[in-house]
């Protein structure tokens, strides 16, 4: 039986860089990379010496003053960008305990500058630094590049900032792709999966040290306020995708008076528990699977026949088959149900990727495991040579283990798993038992999920896509309702997040708000 890989939290605009393989996959690999990876950009940098940043000079406590008064010195990097390193407190509750590094990259506004616009691509664990440095045009449209200094940063625990470190590449392969030879949900299976998660956490504690208990989202939101100040902005302007919406909403709750113009695209409901997230995502991906099948069955190259229900059932049987008898890839790794589910979920993030999903499923049905491994590798950030692109999986786990609470009652786990399976019969059987990932984490969180209201904040725009599988539309509605100043913009379509990848209606609403401060009188229902 396959061991559950990382429970699938909403992931935003992370780069992939891997190419799919298979019958038609070899020919379309570059196209899928273009769809799912970040597109390259070639911005021009002002022909001048790299500027320094002037802090706002606002009053803060004496222990925070060294952090809030630091001057960032920018060095040219990439294709005409400026890069710098900021210092933040290791522990915001004890700023004297030392500092950590925050990696920052900036594209200077090409026109009449409004201020800085901080950007987060999602995750948790996604690199905002790479998002801006490598893919500026994908991150934001030209109107925003003209009026804002677009700023990407790696949150604490991520990438080039002071980062979480756990396993080497071989150990990560075992953790993500390993097989548990026991019936899913049995006592033996639960013991094995829980033990593997505990070993992973112990390695993270050993290799990360004192940073590990301080990578929670509240601390990252406080880092954003520090960046706002040292960039010289009186208020925060922010564009956050997927998990980045939770980071932005958390900032608004902590600093409502410092909210400038915030756009939260692909929203997470901050009040949803770990179980509720897993259940909602299972339903979301099952809906996306149905949308894919409806489109597939209308084409001549679809590997399925019959109705959507019959085809979905066939995919369910395929998942159950590899759960019992995993397929071996050409590199010796095995594809069980969890790896195959990851391979299915990855292209469901974008409707443009559905033809490649057909190829992968067809190859798997004929016993070829390599395309599924390539897709799972793309999701997990694994390179073809077996190395890993970044530490996003490790950061993902560390942050989530601090942001949610978990319980150890196996009977309750089984009840939750049954509820998820009932809600999503095809996807759900492999989305349960999320508590096992964090219940034995080295640092336990007592933070209960709760609504975020951000009372007194300026208008906050929440963007939701009706067919979003990773951050279901209902979450956007919930967050917009919770926020005292929330404004909902709905996009009727498929895929994960909407700005700069859907239509002119969404782009226009987002850009009019960020540039002019105007919000729609009512949901434009784009």
Protein backbone atom coordinates (compact mmCIF):
# COMPACT_ATOMS: atom_id res chain seq x y z
CA UNK A 1 0.00 0.00 0.00
CA UNK A 2 1.19 3.51 -0.66
CA UNK A 3 2.06 5.77 2.23
CA UNK A 4 0.30 9.11 2.14
CA UNK A 5 2.48 11.83 0.76
CA UNK A 6 2.17 15.35 2.11
CA UNK A 7 -1.49 16.21 2.64
CA UNK A 8 -2.40 18.41 -0.28
CA UNK A 9 -2.80 21.94 0.96
CA UNK A 10 -3.57 24.70 -1.52
CA UNK A 11 -0.51 25.42 -3.61
CA UNK A 12 -0.17 28.52 -5.68
CA UNK A 13 2.03 29.58 -8.56
CA UNK A 14 5.05 27.43 -7.78
CA UNK A 15 7.52 26.62 -10.57
CA UNK A 16 7.71 23.07 -11.81
CA UNK A 17 10.45 22.77 -14.43
CA UNK A 18 9.89 19.03 -14.93
CA UNK A 19 8.84 17.53 -18.27
CA UNK A 20 6.23 14.77 -18.57
CA UNK A 21 6.99 11.57 -20.45
CA UNK A 22 4.96 8.86 -22.15
CA UNK A 23 3.16 8.09 -25.42
CA UNK A 24 2.38 11.69 -26.35
CA UNK A 25 3.85 13.18 -23.20
CA UNK A 26 7.36 13.40 -24.60
CA UNK A 27 6.11 15.59 -27.43
CA UNK A 28 4.03 17.88 -25.23
CA UNK A 29 6.35 18.15 -22.25
CA UNK A 30 7.49 21.64 -23.08
CA UNK A 31 3.90 22.79 -23.51
CA UNK A 32 2.88 21.45 -20.10
CA UNK A 33 5.87 23.11 -18.50
CA UNK A 34 4.71 26.37 -20.02
CA UNK A 35 1.22 25.88 -18.63
CA UNK A 36 2.15 24.78 -15.12
CA UNK A 37 5.49 26.48 -14.63
CA UNK A 38 6.16 30.14 -14.30
CA UNK A 39 6.78 31.91 -17.58
CA UNK A 40 10.08 33.68 -18.00
CA UNK A 41 10.39 37.42 -18.11
CA UNK A 42 13.09 39.82 -19.24
CA UNK A 43 12.53 43.14 -17.45
CA UNK A 44 14.84 46.07 -17.89
CA UNK A 45 16.49 47.76 -14.92
CA UNK A 46 17.00 51.48 -14.67
CA UNK A 47 20.48 52.38 -15.79
CA UNK A 48 21.62 53.71 -12.44
CA UNK A 49 23.38 52.60 -9.33
CA UNK A 50 21.29 50.16 -7.29
CA UNK A 51 19.39 52.31 -4.76
CA UNK A 52 19.08 51.79 -1.05
CA UNK A 53 15.74 51.62 0.73
CA UNK A 54 14.76 54.33 3.20
CA UNK A 55 12.77 53.05 6.19
CA UNK A 56 9.63 54.89 7.23
CA UNK A 57 11.12 55.91 10.56
CA UNK A 58 7.93 55.04 12.45
CA UNK A 59 8.01 54.54 16.19
CA UNK A 60 8.45 50.98 17.39
CA UNK A 61 9.60 49.42 20.64
CA UNK A 62 13.28 49.72 21.47
CA UNK A 63 13.89 46.01 20.95
CA UNK A 64 12.42 46.18 17.43
CA UNK A 65 14.09 49.44 16.41
CA UNK A 66 17.26 47.80 14.99
CA UNK A 67 15.08 45.74 12.66
CA UNK A 68 12.69 48.51 11.59
CA UNK A 69 15.46 51.05 10.96
CA UNK A 70 17.73 48.80 8.89
CA UNK A 71 18.63 50.07 5.43
CA UNK A 72 18.39 47.55 2.61
CA UNK A 73 21.20 47.70 0.13
CA UNK A 74 20.24 46.38 -3.28
CA UNK A 75 22.54 44.53 -5.62
CA UNK A 76 21.73 43.89 -9.24
CA UNK A 77 20.60 40.33 -9.88
CA UNK A 78 18.91 38.28 -12.57
CA UNK A 79 17.66 40.21 -15.59
CA UNK A 80 17.66 43.74 -14.30
CA UNK A 81 16.32 43.26 -10.78
CA UNK A 82 17.60 44.33 -7.40
CA UNK A 83 18.14 41.82 -4.59
CA UNK A 84 18.71 42.39 -0.90
CA UNK A 85 18.63 40.59 2.46
CA UNK A 86 16.59 41.88 5.37
CA UNK A 87 17.00 40.87 9.00
CA UNK A 88 13.95 39.86 11.04
CA UNK A 89 13.66 38.64 14.64
CA UNK A 90 13.99 34.90 15.01
CA UNK A 91 11.26 35.02 17.64
CA UNK A 92 8.88 37.97 17.47
CA UNK A 93 7.95 37.40 21.12
CA UNK A 94 11.62 37.75 22.07
CA UNK A 95 13.40 39.97 19.53
CA UNK A 96 16.62 39.78 21.57
CA UNK A 97 16.91 36.06 20.75
CA UNK A 98 18.65 36.78 17.45
CA UNK A 99 17.79 37.34 13.81
CA UNK A 100 17.04 35.51 10.61
CA UNK A 101 17.51 36.39 6.95
CA UNK A 102 14.69 37.30 4.56
CA UNK A 103 15.62 37.19 0.86
CA UNK A 104 13.99 40.00 -1.12
CA UNK A 105 13.93 40.87 -4.83
CA UNK A 106 12.53 44.05 -6.39
CA UNK A 107 11.53 45.21 -9.85
CA UNK A 108 11.49 49.00 -9.79
CA UNK A 109 8.34 50.70 -11.11
CA UNK A 110 8.75 51.75 -14.74
CA UNK A 111 6.39 54.75 -14.42
CA UNK A 112 4.81 57.01 -11.83
CA UNK A 113 5.34 54.99 -8.65
CA UNK A 114 2.56 54.46 -6.12
CA UNK A 115 4.63 52.38 -3.71
CA UNK A 116 5.77 48.81 -3.19
CA UNK A 117 3.61 45.77 -3.98
CA UNK A 118 4.57 42.64 -2.05
CA UNK A 119 3.69 39.37 -3.78
CA UNK A 120 3.30 35.81 -2.45
CA UNK A 121 2.67 32.86 -4.82
CA UNK A 122 1.23 30.38 -2.32
CA UNK A 123 2.29 27.13 -0.74
CA UNK A 124 3.01 27.41 2.10
CA UNK A 125 6.58 27.00 0.93
CA UNK A 126 6.37 28.78 -2.42
CA UNK A 127 9.20 31.16 -3.25
CA UNK A 128 8.04 34.72 -3.80
CA UNK A 129 11.64 35.57 -4.66
CA UNK A 130 11.71 33.17 -7.63
CA UNK A 131 8.15 34.13 -8.55
CA UNK A 132 9.20 37.72 -9.22
CA UNK A 133 12.80 37.16 -10.32
CA UNK A 134 12.02 34.45 -12.88
CA UNK A 135 8.44 35.21 -13.87
CA UNK A 136 7.54 38.84 -13.38
CA UNK A 137 5.06 38.92 -16.26
CA UNK A 138 3.28 35.86 -14.89
CA UNK A 139 3.17 37.32 -11.40
CA UNK A 140 1.71 40.71 -12.30
CA UNK A 141 0.50 42.51 -15.39
CA UNK A 142 2.24 45.46 -17.04
CA UNK A 143 -0.07 48.08 -15.45
CA UNK A 144 1.12 46.99 -12.00
CA UNK A 145 4.75 46.82 -13.10
CA UNK A 146 4.45 50.42 -14.23
CA UNK A 147 3.00 51.81 -10.99
CA UNK A 148 4.59 49.64 -8.29
CA UNK A 149 7.94 48.38 -7.18
CA UNK A 150 7.04 44.70 -7.39
CA UNK A 151 8.65 42.93 -4.44
CA UNK A 152 9.04 39.18 -4.06
CA UNK A 153 10.34 37.59 -0.88
CA UNK A 154 10.88 34.15 0.55
CA UNK A 155 8.95 33.86 3.82
CA UNK A 156 10.80 32.58 6.85
CA UNK A 157 11.57 28.90 6.48
CA UNK A 158 11.50 29.06 2.68
CA UNK A 159 14.14 28.98 -0.06
CA UNK A 160 16.79 31.69 0.10
CA UNK A 161 15.61 33.03 3.45
CA UNK A 162 16.60 31.26 6.65
CA UNK A 163 15.14 27.93 5.69
CA UNK A 164 13.77 24.67 7.04
CA UNK A 165 16.02 21.70 6.25
CA UNK A 166 15.09 18.06 6.87
CA UNK A 167 16.10 15.28 4.47
CA UNK A 168 18.58 14.79 1.67
CA UNK A 169 17.22 13.84 -1.76
CA UNK A 170 17.32 10.06 -1.26
CA UNK A 171 15.59 10.34 2.11
CA UNK A 172 12.98 12.64 0.59
CA UNK A 173 12.29 10.06 -2.11
CA UNK A 174 11.65 7.43 0.54
CA UNK A 175 9.38 9.80 2.46
CA UNK A 176 7.30 10.95 -0.50
CA UNK A 177 7.23 7.83 -2.66
CA UNK A 178 7.69 5.00 -0.17
CA UNK A 179 5.28 2.07 0.06
CA UNK A 180 3.71 0.79 3.30
CA UNK A 181 2.96 -2.97 2.97
CA UNK A 182 -0.23 -2.86 5.01
CA UNK A 183 -3.91 -2.19 4.46
CA UNK A 184 -4.70 1.51 4.35
CA UNK A 185 -6.23 2.64 7.65
CA UNK A 186 -5.21 -0.49 9.57
CA UNK A 187 -3.38 -0.25 12.88
CA UNK A 188 -0.17 -1.43 11.19
CA UNK A 189 -0.53 1.14 8.42
CA UNK A 190 -1.25 3.98 10.87
CA UNK A 191 1.74 3.01 12.98
CA UNK A 192 4.06 2.96 9.96
CA UNK A 193 2.83 6.24 8.51
CA UNK A 194 2.91 7.99 11.87
CA UNK A 195 6.42 6.71 12.55
CA UNK A 196 7.64 7.96 9.15
CA UNK A 197 6.15 11.39 9.86
CA UNK A 198 7.75 11.49 13.31
CA UNK A 199 11.15 10.60 11.83
CA UNK A 200 10.73 13.39 9.28
CA UNK A 201 9.92 15.87 12.04
CA UNK A 202 12.91 14.76 14.07
CA UNK A 203 15.18 15.30 11.07
CA UNK A 204 13.69 18.77 10.57
CA UNK A 205 14.37 19.63 14.20
CA UNK A 206 17.95 18.36 13.99
CA UNK A 207 18.79 20.10 10.72
CA UNK A 208 16.81 23.34 11.16
CA UNK A 209 17.45 24.10 14.81
CA UNK A 210 15.88 27.03 16.62
CA UNK A 211 14.14 28.35 13.52
CA UNK A 212 11.74 25.39 13.31
CA UNK A 213 9.23 26.49 16.01
CA UNK A 214 9.15 30.01 14.52
CA UNK A 215 8.01 29.47 10.92
CA UNK A 216 4.30 29.94 11.60
CA UNK A 217 2.17 32.29 9.50
CA UNK A 218 1.70 34.87 12.25
CA UNK A 219 5.48 35.31 12.41
CA UNK A 220 5.64 35.56 8.61
CA UNK A 221 2.92 38.22 8.64
CA UNK A 222 4.94 40.22 11.15
CA UNK A 223 7.91 39.88 8.80
CA UNK A 224 5.77 41.46 6.08
CA UNK A 225 5.14 44.48 8.28
CA UNK A 226 8.87 44.78 8.82
CA UNK A 227 9.47 44.62 5.05
CA UNK A 228 6.77 47.24 4.49
CA UNK A 229 8.54 49.61 6.86
CA UNK A 230 12.09 49.11 5.58
CA UNK A 231 10.84 49.50 2.01
CA UNK A 232 9.56 52.92 3.03
CA UNK A 233 5.80 52.29 2.72
CA UNK A 234 3.38 53.67 5.31
CA UNK A 235 0.82 51.00 4.39
CA UNK A 236 1.08 47.51 2.89
CA UNK A 237 0.06 46.88 -0.71
CA UNK A 238 -0.08 43.14 -1.30
CA UNK A 239 -1.06 40.51 -3.86
CA UNK A 240 -1.34 37.00 -2.41
CA UNK A 241 -2.35 33.78 -4.13
CA UNK A 242 -3.67 30.58 -2.51
CA UNK A 243 -1.88 30.17 0.85
CA UNK A 244 -0.77 33.75 0.31
CA UNK A 245 -4.37 34.80 1.01
CA UNK A 246 -4.10 33.38 4.53
CA UNK A 247 -0.81 35.20 4.99
CA UNK A 248 -2.39 38.45 3.78
CA UNK A 249 -5.54 38.05 5.87
CA UNK A 250 -3.41 37.30 8.93
CA UNK A 251 -1.51 40.53 8.31
CA UNK A 252 -4.79 42.45 8.08
CA UNK A 253 -5.94 41.00 11.39
CA UNK A 254 -2.66 41.97 13.09
CA UNK A 255 -2.29 45.42 11.49
CA UNK A 256 -5.67 46.61 10.18
CA UNK A 257 -4.58 50.26 10.35
CA UNK A 258 -1.63 49.51 8.06
CA UNK A 259 -3.65 47.81 5.33
CA UNK A 260 -3.25 49.65 2.05
CA UNK A 261 -4.58 47.70 -0.93
CA UNK A 262 -4.73 43.94 -0.44
CA UNK A 263 -5.81 41.41 -3.09
CA UNK A 264 -6.34 37.82 -1.92
CA UNK A 265 -6.76 35.48 -4.91
CA UNK A 266 -7.71 31.82 -4.43
CA UNK A 267 -8.77 32.39 -0.86
CA UNK A 268 -8.42 30.05 2.10
CA UNK A 269 -11.11 30.12 4.78
CA UNK A 270 -9.03 30.94 7.89
CA UNK A 271 -11.62 29.36 10.15
CA UNK A 272 -11.43 25.92 8.47
CA UNK A 273 -9.81 23.13 10.48
CA UNK A 274 -7.28 20.69 9.05
CA UNK A 275 -10.07 18.14 8.55
CA UNK A 276 -12.37 20.68 6.91
CA UNK A 277 -9.58 21.72 4.53
CA UNK A 278 -8.89 18.11 3.51
CA UNK A 279 -12.58 17.41 2.99
CA UNK A 280 -13.21 20.58 0.97
CA UNK A 281 -10.17 19.98 -1.21
CA UNK A 282 -11.22 16.39 -1.83
CA UNK A 283 -14.59 17.62 -3.05
CA UNK A 284 -12.92 20.39 -5.06
CA UNK A 285 -10.59 18.04 -6.89
CA UNK A 286 -13.39 15.56 -7.48
CA UNK A 287 -15.44 18.34 -9.10
CA UNK A 288 -12.42 19.31 -11.20
CA UNK A 289 -12.01 15.67 -12.21
CA UNK A 290 -15.63 15.63 -13.39
CA UNK A 291 -15.08 18.83 -15.36
CA UNK A 292 -12.01 17.28 -16.97
CA UNK A 293 -13.90 14.09 -17.84
CA UNK A 294 -16.80 15.99 -19.37
CA UNK A 295 -14.35 17.83 -21.60
CA UNK A 296 -12.34 14.69 -22.33
CA UNK A 297 -15.34 12.58 -23.37
CA UNK A 298 -16.25 15.19 -25.97
CA UNK A 299 -12.91 14.66 -27.75
CA UNK A 300 -11.72 11.86 -29.99
CA UNK A 301 -8.50 11.24 -28.04
CA UNK A 302 -10.09 10.61 -24.65
CA UNK A 303 -8.92 7.33 -23.07
CA UNK A 304 -12.35 6.82 -21.51
CA UNK A 305 -15.74 5.75 -22.90
CA UNK A 306 -19.24 6.10 -21.53
CA UNK A 307 -20.44 8.68 -19.05
CA UNK A 308 -18.62 10.94 -16.61
CA UNK A 309 -19.72 8.74 -13.73
CA UNK A 310 -18.48 5.58 -15.45
CA UNK A 311 -15.15 7.19 -16.30
CA UNK A 312 -14.68 8.52 -12.78
CA UNK A 313 -15.38 5.04 -11.45
CA UNK A 314 -12.69 3.70 -13.79
CA UNK A 315 -10.18 6.17 -12.34
CA UNK A 316 -11.26 5.06 -8.87
CA UNK A 317 -10.57 1.44 -9.79
CA UNK A 318 -7.16 2.45 -11.17
CA UNK A 319 -6.27 4.17 -7.89
CA UNK A 320 -7.44 1.16 -5.89
CA UNK A 321 -5.44 -1.16 -8.16
CA UNK A 322 -2.11 0.63 -7.67
CA UNK A 323 -2.89 0.93 -3.96
CA UNK A 324 -2.92 -2.87 -3.83
CA UNK A 325 -0.24 -3.50 -6.47
CA UNK A 326 2.00 -0.48 -7.11
CA UNK A 327 3.62 0.01 -10.50
CA UNK A 328 7.39 0.18 -10.82
CA UNK A 329 8.96 3.02 -12.77
CA UNK A 330 12.06 2.72 -14.93
CA UNK A 331 14.15 4.28 -12.14
CA UNK A 332 12.94 1.73 -9.60
CA UNK A 333 10.53 4.00 -7.74
CA UNK A 334 7.01 2.76 -7.18
CA UNK A 335 3.70 4.39 -8.03
CA UNK A 336 1.07 3.65 -5.42
CA UNK A 337 -2.27 5.38 -4.98
CA UNK A 338 -0.88 8.47 -3.26
CA UNK A 339 1.72 9.12 -5.93
CA UNK A 340 -0.86 8.54 -8.65
CA UNK A 341 -3.29 10.88 -6.93
CA UNK A 342 -0.59 13.55 -6.80
CA UNK A 343 -0.03 12.99 -10.53
CA UNK A 344 -3.76 13.45 -11.17
CA UNK A 345 -4.08 16.54 -9.00
CA UNK A 346 -1.10 18.35 -10.54
CA UNK A 347 -2.68 18.97 -14.00
CA UNK A 348 -6.11 19.62 -12.48
CA UNK A 349 -4.78 23.00 -11.34
CA UNK A 350 -5.20 24.30 -14.91
CA UNK A 351 -7.74 23.33 -17.57
CA UNK A 352 -5.03 23.90 -20.19
CA UNK A 353 -3.28 20.82 -18.81
CA UNK A 354 -6.19 18.40 -19.19
CA UNK A 355 -4.94 16.83 -22.47
CA UNK A 356 -1.71 15.85 -20.69
CA UNK A 357 -3.71 14.33 -17.86
CA UNK A 358 -5.38 12.08 -20.44
CA UNK A 359 -1.99 10.92 -21.69
CA UNK A 360 -0.75 10.19 -18.18
CA UNK A 361 -3.87 8.23 -17.21
CA UNK A 362 -3.79 6.22 -20.41
CA UNK A 363 -0.13 5.34 -19.89
CA UNK A 364 -0.82 4.29 -16.29
CA UNK A 365 -3.73 2.08 -17.37
CA UNK A 366 -1.28 0.29 -19.68
CA UNK A 367 1.18 -0.24 -16.84
CA UNK A 368 3.64 2.57 -17.61
CA UNK A 369 4.51 4.27 -14.32
CA UNK A 370 6.96 6.86 -15.67
CA UNK A 371 4.45 9.57 -16.73
CA UNK A 372 2.76 9.45 -13.31
CA UNK A 373 6.16 9.75 -11.63
CA UNK A 374 7.01 12.73 -13.84
CA UNK A 375 3.78 14.49 -12.88
CA UNK A 376 4.22 13.72 -9.18
CA UNK A 377 7.80 14.95 -9.43
CA UNK A 378 6.52 18.20 -10.91
CA UNK A 379 4.20 18.70 -7.95
CA UNK A 380 6.88 17.73 -5.41
CA UNK A 381 9.64 19.83 -6.99
CA UNK A 382 11.83 16.84 -7.85
CA UNK A 383 14.31 17.23 -10.69
CA UNK A 384 14.96 14.49 -13.28
CA UNK A 385 18.39 13.82 -11.74
CA UNK A 386 16.80 13.00 -8.37
CA UNK A 387 17.65 16.26 -6.65
CA UNK A 388 14.96 18.60 -5.38
CA UNK A 389 14.36 22.07 -6.75
CA UNK A 390 13.95 23.69 -3.34
CA UNK A 391 12.79 23.06 0.22
CA UNK A 392 9.12 23.74 -0.51
CA UNK A 393 7.92 20.33 0.72
CA UNK A 394 9.82 20.68 3.99
CA UNK A 395 8.62 24.24 4.54
CA UNK A 396 5.09 23.20 3.61
CA UNK A 397 5.01 20.59 6.35
CA UNK A 398 6.73 22.74 8.99
CA UNK A 399 4.43 25.73 8.49
CA UNK A 400 1.23 23.67 8.38
CA UNK A 401 2.17 21.79 11.54
CA UNK A 402 2.32 25.12 13.38
CA UNK A 403 -0.74 26.69 11.76
CA UNK A 404 -3.26 23.94 12.61
CA UNK A 405 -3.98 21.74 15.60
CA UNK A 406 -3.96 17.95 15.36
CA UNK A 407 -5.26 15.08 17.47
CA UNK A 408 -4.01 11.54 18.08
CA UNK A 409 -7.25 9.58 18.56
CA UNK A 410 -7.17 6.87 15.89
CA UNK A 411 -10.91 6.30 16.12
CA UNK A 412 -11.50 9.96 15.34
CA UNK A 413 -9.03 9.77 12.44
CA UNK A 414 -10.99 6.89 10.97
CA UNK A 415 -14.28 8.74 11.36
CA UNK A 416 -12.79 11.73 9.55
CA UNK A 417 -11.36 9.54 6.80
CA UNK A 418 -14.78 7.93 6.27
CA UNK A 419 -16.42 11.35 6.07
CA UNK A 420 -13.90 12.52 3.46
CA UNK A 421 -14.43 9.35 1.42
CA UNK A 422 -18.20 9.76 1.59
CA UNK A 423 -17.92 13.35 0.37
CA UNK A 424 -15.52 12.49 -2.48
CA UNK A 425 -15.62 8.75 -3.28
CA UNK A 426 -12.80 8.82 -5.86
CA UNK A 427 -10.34 11.33 -4.40
CA UNK A 428 -11.35 11.11 -0.74
CA UNK A 429 -10.01 7.63 0.15
CA UNK A 430 -6.47 8.98 -0.21
CA UNK A 431 -6.94 12.34 1.50
CA UNK A 432 -7.64 11.19 5.04
CA UNK A 433 -5.46 10.69 8.10
CA UNK A 434 -3.88 14.13 7.84
CA UNK A 435 -3.38 14.25 11.62
CA UNK A 436 -0.61 11.65 11.24
CA UNK A 437 1.60 14.18 9.47
CA UNK A 438 1.84 16.53 12.43
CA UNK A 439 0.54 14.91 15.59
CA UNK A 440 4.11 13.93 16.56
CA UNK A 441 5.77 17.09 15.22
CA UNK A 442 8.56 18.37 17.51
CA UNK A 443 6.65 21.57 18.28
CA UNK A 444 2.93 21.34 18.89
CA UNK A 445 0.59 24.21 18.10
CA UNK A 446 -2.35 25.24 20.26
CA UNK A 447 -3.56 27.79 17.74
CA UNK A 448 -7.20 27.18 16.92
CA UNK A 449 -8.38 28.27 13.51
CA UNK A 450 -10.78 31.21 13.68
CA UNK A 451 -12.50 33.75 11.49
CA UNK A 452 -10.54 36.84 10.47
CA UNK A 453 -12.38 40.16 10.52
CA UNK A 454 -9.61 42.80 10.28
CA UNK A 455 -11.88 45.43 11.83
CA UNK A 456 -11.10 48.94 10.63
CA UNK A 457 -9.05 47.87 7.62
CA UNK A 458 -9.39 49.53 4.22
CA UNK A 459 -11.25 47.51 1.55
CA UNK A 460 -9.71 44.08 0.92
CA UNK A 461 -10.42 42.39 -2.42
CA UNK A 462 -11.05 38.62 -2.35
CA UNK A 463 -10.97 36.78 -5.68
CA UNK A 464 -12.56 33.34 -6.05
CA UNK A 465 -12.80 30.95 -9.01
CA UNK A 466 -15.97 28.88 -9.15
CA UNK A 467 -14.12 25.76 -10.39
CA UNK A 468 -10.97 26.13 -8.27
CA UNK A 469 -10.06 22.64 -7.00
CA UNK A 470 -7.34 23.59 -4.51
CA UNK A 471 -9.02 26.57 -2.85
CA UNK A 472 -12.74 25.96 -3.41
CA UNK A 473 -14.87 28.97 -4.29
CA UNK A 474 -16.82 28.61 -1.05
CA UNK A 475 -13.69 29.65 0.84
CA UNK A 476 -13.50 32.95 -1.05
CA UNK A 477 -17.14 33.65 -0.22
CA UNK A 478 -16.47 32.81 3.44
CA UNK A 479 -13.39 35.02 3.70
CA UNK A 480 -15.07 37.97 1.98
CA UNK A 481 -17.98 37.63 4.40
CA UNK A 482 -15.70 37.40 7.45
CA UNK A 483 -13.62 40.46 6.58
CA UNK A 484 -15.32 43.62 7.75
CA UNK A 485 -14.20 45.35 4.54
CA UNK A 486 -14.13 42.31 2.24
CA UNK A 487 -15.09 42.77 -1.43
CA UNK A 488 -15.71 39.62 -3.48
CA UNK A 489 -14.76 39.27 -7.15
CA UNK A 490 -15.93 35.97 -8.66
CA UNK A 491 -14.52 34.33 -11.77
CA UNK A 492 -16.74 31.73 -13.39
CA UNK A 493 -14.27 29.20 -14.71
CA UNK A 494 -11.88 26.35 -13.97
CA UNK A 495 -8.41 26.33 -12.47
CA UNK A 496 -6.54 27.58 -9.45
CA UNK A 497 -6.56 31.39 -8.93
CA UNK A 498 -7.68 33.95 -11.48
CA UNK A 499 -5.64 37.16 -11.70
CA UNK A 500 -3.42 37.34 -14.78
CA UNK A 501 -4.63 33.94 -15.99
CA UNK A 502 -8.38 34.23 -16.59
CA UNK A 503 -9.98 37.22 -18.34
CA UNK A 504 -9.98 41.00 -18.68
CA UNK A 505 -12.81 41.36 -16.18
CA UNK A 506 -10.75 39.91 -13.32
CA UNK A 507 -7.56 41.68 -14.38
CA UNK A 508 -9.37 44.98 -14.70
CA UNK A 509 -10.99 44.72 -11.28
CA UNK A 510 -7.71 43.81 -9.57
CA UNK A 511 -5.65 46.47 -11.33
CA UNK A 512 -8.24 49.23 -10.88
CA UNK A 513 -8.24 48.51 -7.16
CA UNK A 514 -4.47 48.32 -6.72
CA UNK A 515 -3.76 51.36 -8.89
CA UNK A 516 -6.74 53.63 -8.21
CA UNK A 517 -8.12 52.23 -4.97
CA UNK A 518 -11.57 51.64 -6.48
CA UNK A 519 -13.53 48.47 -5.76
CA UNK A 520 -16.63 47.20 -7.57
CA UNK A 521 -19.97 48.29 -6.12
CA UNK A 522 -20.98 44.63 -6.32
CA UNK A 523 -19.45 41.34 -7.41
CA UNK A 524 -18.80 41.69 -11.18
CA UNK A 525 -19.16 37.89 -11.60
CA UNK A 526 -16.45 37.78 -14.25
